[in-house]
């Protein structure tokens, strides 16, 4: 445990305070196992500042186990009051749900789009690097596949084995009322819970350029299938990991390169 925390802290320091951009990303404040200032609510996964699959899975499993270990945690006798509500069906949320299923407590997983949506939105055939290679995440969600489609199938198999179901609903807000937490969603619907684990990730919050034309149909914020751009002119904006992976995927799938475009412009009529 001590070694894992040390690696996480070092990675977070490099990722958010040592990068040349020089700005520190604003993230929710949390303590050990994702504990927040709102009693009964903890955060896991990307929101903790370390966007790696293994760490996300580990944080979800550990947060659920920490809840079970609390002295004042008791299983609910009220069928309408969940022991744990999990917001987000990504890697961290499903990892927490698997542990909840194993423990036999009442829980529900809420997801606004689809299970494992971040991975599902990766480009087709994207290589997956599950770092650190020697780390084995706590809990029942593990990773062996090295390509997007295989990884999705692997995770879905583990979710199905644990009988974890996902409720499609967007949680708008969470409030504490007395000794309960209220999750507000969809036309006045409210779900009551003793504890809440938030693992919503951050992949949907893409940055905009703020320039004319970025709302056109030909401008995308994700790359789904690189082969769709074979033989076409494509401009990739950005210089980070995602931009470089996108550029490589486009180039290997036949998108035109800058050198090819330059040759076309100087070619005689």
Protein backbone atom coordinates (compact mmCIF):
# COMPACT_ATOMS: atom_id res chain seq x y z
CA UNK A 1 0.00 0.00 0.00
CA UNK A 2 2.79 2.46 0.95
CA UNK A 3 4.61 1.82 -2.33
CA UNK A 4 1.44 2.36 -4.37
CA UNK A 5 0.72 5.67 -2.64
CA UNK A 6 4.28 6.84 -3.25
CA UNK A 7 4.04 6.09 -6.98
CA UNK A 8 0.66 7.84 -7.18
CA UNK A 9 1.93 10.97 -5.43
CA UNK A 10 5.04 11.19 -7.62
CA UNK A 11 3.00 10.75 -10.81
CA UNK A 12 0.43 13.33 -9.73
CA UNK A 13 3.17 15.84 -8.87
CA UNK A 14 4.76 15.43 -12.30
CA UNK A 15 1.44 15.46 -14.16
CA UNK A 16 -0.10 18.51 -12.51
CA UNK A 17 2.74 20.69 -11.22
CA UNK A 18 5.87 19.89 -13.24
CA UNK A 19 4.48 20.03 -16.78
CA UNK A 20 5.86 22.93 -18.88
CA UNK A 21 2.41 24.56 -19.16
CA UNK A 22 3.02 25.78 -15.62
CA UNK A 23 -0.59 25.68 -14.42
CA UNK A 24 -2.07 23.45 -11.73
CA UNK A 25 -5.30 21.71 -12.64
CA UNK A 26 -8.15 22.33 -10.22
CA UNK A 27 -9.44 19.05 -8.85
CA UNK A 28 -11.75 18.17 -5.93
CA UNK A 29 -9.99 17.89 -2.59
CA UNK A 30 -9.92 14.40 -1.14
CA UNK A 31 -8.10 12.38 1.46
CA UNK A 32 -7.20 8.74 1.84
CA UNK A 33 -9.49 6.41 -0.15
CA UNK A 34 -11.17 9.43 -1.75
CA UNK A 35 -12.79 10.84 1.38
CA UNK A 36 -14.18 14.37 0.88
CA UNK A 37 -15.40 17.18 3.13
CA UNK A 38 -19.00 16.08 2.50
CA UNK A 39 -19.59 13.24 4.99
CA UNK A 40 -20.36 9.97 3.27
CA UNK A 41 -19.15 11.05 -0.17
CA UNK A 42 -15.85 9.97 -1.71
CA UNK A 43 -14.29 10.43 -5.14
CA UNK A 44 -12.36 7.88 -7.19
CA UNK A 45 -10.70 7.52 -10.57
CA UNK A 46 -9.72 10.48 -12.75
CA UNK A 47 -11.10 12.99 -10.25
CA UNK A 48 -8.30 12.09 -7.87
CA UNK A 49 -5.80 13.43 -10.42
CA UNK A 50 -4.26 10.24 -11.80
CA UNK A 51 -5.87 9.17 -15.11
CA UNK A 52 -4.48 5.65 -15.40
CA UNK A 53 -6.65 2.54 -15.70
CA UNK A 54 -4.96 0.54 -12.98
CA UNK A 55 -4.99 3.38 -10.47
CA UNK A 56 -8.65 4.11 -11.28
CA UNK A 57 -9.65 0.51 -10.69
CA UNK A 58 -7.56 0.37 -7.52
CA UNK A 59 -9.10 3.56 -6.13
CA UNK A 60 -12.67 2.34 -6.72
CA UNK A 61 -12.10 -1.00 -5.01
CA UNK A 62 -10.27 0.56 -2.07
CA UNK A 63 -12.94 3.23 -1.54
CA UNK A 64 -15.68 0.61 -1.30
CA UNK A 65 -13.65 -1.55 1.09
CA UNK A 66 -12.93 1.52 3.24
CA UNK A 67 -16.68 2.19 3.50
CA UNK A 68 -17.31 -1.40 4.59
CA UNK A 69 -14.62 -1.02 7.25
CA UNK A 70 -16.15 2.12 8.81
CA UNK A 71 -17.24 1.56 12.40
CA UNK A 72 -20.60 3.27 11.91
CA UNK A 73 -21.44 1.60 8.59
CA UNK A 74 -24.48 -0.66 8.82
CA UNK A 75 -26.39 -2.40 6.05
CA UNK A 76 -29.69 -0.69 5.36
CA UNK A 77 -32.94 -2.37 6.43
CA UNK A 78 -34.93 0.07 4.29
CA UNK A 79 -35.39 -1.31 0.73
CA UNK A 80 -35.56 2.25 -0.64
CA UNK A 81 -32.31 3.33 1.01
CA UNK A 82 -29.13 2.15 -0.74
CA UNK A 83 -26.07 1.23 1.23
CA UNK A 84 -23.92 2.76 -1.52
CA UNK A 85 -24.77 4.74 -4.65
CA UNK A 86 -22.06 4.80 -7.32
CA UNK A 87 -22.05 7.68 -9.81
CA UNK A 88 -20.23 6.76 -13.01
CA UNK A 89 -19.82 3.38 -14.70
CA UNK A 90 -16.24 3.83 -15.75
CA UNK A 91 -13.30 1.75 -14.58
CA UNK A 92 -13.34 3.12 -11.01
CA UNK A 93 -17.11 2.95 -10.63
CA UNK A 94 -17.39 -0.63 -11.88
CA UNK A 95 -14.44 -1.67 -9.70
CA UNK A 96 -16.32 -0.29 -6.69
CA UNK A 97 -19.53 -1.99 -7.81
CA UNK A 98 -17.81 -5.37 -8.12
CA UNK A 99 -16.68 -5.09 -4.49
CA UNK A 100 -20.18 -4.00 -3.43
CA UNK A 101 -21.64 -7.03 -5.20
CA UNK A 102 -19.13 -9.33 -3.51
CA UNK A 103 -20.00 -7.84 -0.11
CA UNK A 104 -23.72 -8.39 -0.60
CA UNK A 105 -24.73 -4.80 0.17
CA UNK A 106 -27.43 -2.83 -1.62
CA UNK A 107 -25.99 -0.57 -4.31
CA UNK A 108 -26.76 0.99 -7.66
CA UNK A 109 -24.53 2.30 -10.45
CA UNK A 110 -25.69 5.42 -12.30
CA UNK A 111 -24.22 6.33 -15.70
CA UNK A 112 -25.18 9.17 -18.04
CA UNK A 113 -23.98 7.55 -21.29
CA UNK A 114 -22.62 3.99 -21.31
CA UNK A 115 -20.45 1.70 -19.22
CA UNK A 116 -16.72 2.25 -19.73
CA UNK A 117 -17.51 5.24 -21.96
CA UNK A 118 -13.97 6.65 -21.91
CA UNK A 119 -12.48 3.44 -23.30
CA UNK A 120 -15.44 2.94 -25.65
CA UNK A 121 -14.69 6.35 -27.19
CA UNK A 122 -11.05 5.52 -27.90
CA UNK A 123 -10.22 5.18 -31.62
CA UNK A 124 -10.71 1.74 -33.18
CA UNK A 125 -7.74 -0.53 -32.62
CA UNK A 126 -6.07 1.83 -30.15
CA UNK A 127 -3.16 0.17 -28.29
CA UNK A 128 -3.70 0.12 -24.52
CA UNK A 129 -0.82 0.57 -22.10
CA UNK A 130 -1.83 -0.45 -18.59
CA UNK A 131 0.90 1.18 -16.52
CA UNK A 132 2.55 0.54 -14.11
CA UNK A 133 3.21 -2.86 -15.65
CA UNK A 134 4.02 -4.57 -12.36
CA UNK A 135 1.03 -3.20 -10.46
CA UNK A 136 -1.95 -5.43 -9.67
CA UNK A 137 -4.98 -3.29 -8.74
CA UNK A 138 -6.94 -4.14 -5.63
CA UNK A 139 -10.33 -5.71 -6.27
CA UNK A 140 -11.98 -7.72 -9.01
CA UNK A 141 -11.41 -5.57 -12.10
CA UNK A 142 -8.12 -6.52 -13.74
CA UNK A 143 -6.50 -5.76 -17.12
CA UNK A 144 -4.61 -8.00 -19.54
CA UNK A 145 -5.74 -6.90 -23.00
CA UNK A 146 -3.57 -4.56 -25.06
CA UNK A 147 -6.07 -3.28 -27.67
CA UNK A 148 -9.23 -1.20 -27.14
CA UNK A 149 -11.79 -3.73 -28.36
CA UNK A 150 -10.24 -6.60 -26.41
CA UNK A 151 -10.01 -4.45 -23.28
CA UNK A 152 -13.69 -3.53 -23.50
CA UNK A 153 -14.67 -7.17 -23.91
CA UNK A 154 -12.45 -8.13 -20.97
CA UNK A 155 -13.96 -5.51 -18.66
CA UNK A 156 -17.53 -6.26 -19.75
CA UNK A 157 -16.94 -9.95 -19.01
CA UNK A 158 -15.78 -9.13 -15.48
CA UNK A 159 -18.74 -6.80 -14.96
CA UNK A 160 -21.18 -9.49 -16.13
CA UNK A 161 -19.52 -12.15 -13.96
CA UNK A 162 -20.11 -9.95 -10.90
CA UNK A 163 -23.73 -9.35 -11.99
CA UNK A 164 -23.20 -5.58 -11.94
CA UNK A 165 -26.00 -3.72 -13.73
CA UNK A 166 -25.91 -0.07 -14.80
CA UNK A 167 -28.80 2.42 -14.53
CA UNK A 168 -28.80 5.05 -17.28
CA UNK A 169 -29.33 8.33 -15.46
CA UNK A 170 -27.52 11.64 -15.12
CA UNK A 171 -27.03 12.65 -11.49
CA UNK A 172 -27.45 16.43 -11.36
CA UNK A 173 -26.49 17.00 -7.74
CA UNK A 174 -25.93 15.33 -4.39
CA UNK A 175 -27.08 16.77 -1.08
CA UNK A 176 -26.96 15.60 2.50
CA UNK A 177 -30.19 15.63 4.47
CA UNK A 178 -30.01 14.34 8.00
CA UNK A 179 -28.12 11.06 7.94
CA UNK A 180 -28.85 10.38 4.28
CA UNK A 181 -27.47 11.46 0.92
CA UNK A 182 -29.93 12.41 -1.79
CA UNK A 183 -29.02 11.98 -5.46
CA UNK A 184 -31.15 14.14 -7.74
CA UNK A 185 -31.73 12.95 -11.30
CA UNK A 186 -34.30 13.09 -14.07
CA UNK A 187 -37.56 15.03 -13.62
CA UNK A 188 -37.50 15.29 -9.86
CA UNK A 189 -36.39 11.72 -9.20
CA UNK A 190 -34.36 11.25 -6.03
CA UNK A 191 -32.37 8.23 -4.88
CA UNK A 192 -31.51 7.87 -1.18
CA UNK A 193 -28.24 6.37 -0.03
CA UNK A 194 -26.04 5.99 3.06
CA UNK A 195 -22.81 6.49 1.10
CA UNK A 196 -21.94 7.81 -2.36
CA UNK A 197 -18.89 7.07 -4.52
CA UNK A 198 -18.33 9.55 -7.36
CA UNK A 199 -16.28 8.27 -10.29
CA UNK A 200 -17.49 10.41 -13.19
CA UNK A 201 -14.09 10.99 -14.80
CA UNK A 202 -13.17 14.06 -16.84
CA UNK A 203 -13.01 12.88 -20.45
CA UNK A 204 -16.15 14.73 -21.52
CA UNK A 205 -14.73 18.15 -20.69
CA UNK A 206 -12.76 18.86 -23.85
CA UNK A 207 -11.25 22.30 -24.30
CA UNK A 208 -12.38 24.64 -27.07
CA UNK A 209 -10.19 26.87 -29.21
CA UNK A 210 -12.50 29.87 -29.12
CA UNK A 211 -12.02 30.55 -32.84
CA UNK A 212 -14.45 30.93 -35.77
CA UNK A 213 -15.43 27.67 -37.43
CA UNK A 214 -14.90 25.24 -34.57
CA UNK A 215 -18.63 24.50 -34.45
CA UNK A 216 -18.64 23.25 -38.06
CA UNK A 217 -19.64 19.65 -38.77
CA UNK A 218 -16.13 18.80 -39.96
CA UNK A 219 -14.56 19.66 -36.57
CA UNK A 220 -14.32 16.74 -34.12
CA UNK A 221 -13.20 16.40 -30.52
CA UNK A 222 -12.68 12.64 -30.70
CA UNK A 223 -11.29 10.22 -33.21
CA UNK A 224 -13.43 7.10 -33.56
CA UNK A 225 -12.20 5.37 -36.73
CA UNK A 226 -8.95 6.63 -38.31
CA UNK A 227 -9.74 4.76 -41.54
CA UNK A 228 -12.61 7.16 -42.22
CA UNK A 229 -10.00 9.84 -43.00
CA UNK A 230 -7.95 7.85 -45.51
CA UNK A 231 -6.92 10.11 -48.39
CA UNK A 232 -8.31 13.22 -46.70
CA UNK A 233 -6.66 16.39 -45.42
CA UNK A 234 -6.68 16.45 -41.62
CA UNK A 235 -5.41 19.05 -39.14
CA UNK A 236 -4.73 17.84 -35.59
CA UNK A 237 -4.66 20.62 -33.00
CA UNK A 238 -2.60 19.87 -29.88
CA UNK A 239 0.75 18.44 -28.90
CA UNK A 240 -0.05 16.13 -26.01
CA UNK A 241 -0.34 12.35 -25.85
CA UNK A 242 -3.83 12.25 -27.36
CA UNK A 243 -2.84 14.52 -30.26
CA UNK A 244 0.24 12.45 -31.05
CA UNK A 245 -1.67 9.16 -30.86
CA UNK A 246 -4.35 10.64 -33.12
CA UNK A 247 -1.76 11.84 -35.63
CA UNK A 248 -0.03 8.46 -35.75
CA UNK A 249 -3.34 6.63 -36.15
CA UNK A 250 -4.38 8.96 -39.01
CA UNK A 251 -1.02 8.68 -40.77
CA UNK A 252 -0.97 4.89 -40.64
CA UNK A 253 -4.57 4.79 -41.90
CA UNK A 254 -3.81 6.84 -45.01
CA UNK A 255 -4.65 10.43 -44.11
CA UNK A 256 -2.61 12.96 -46.11
CA UNK A 257 0.58 14.28 -44.55
CA UNK A 258 1.87 17.84 -44.72
CA UNK A 259 4.61 16.88 -47.20
CA UNK A 260 2.03 15.36 -49.52
CA UNK A 261 -0.13 18.49 -49.33
CA UNK A 262 2.88 20.70 -50.13
CA UNK A 263 3.70 18.60 -53.20
CA UNK A 264 0.14 18.92 -54.43
CA UNK A 265 0.28 22.71 -54.18
CA UNK A 266 3.46 23.00 -56.29
CA UNK A 267 2.40 20.42 -58.86
CA UNK A 268 2.00 22.02 -62.33
CA UNK A 269 -1.51 22.33 -63.74
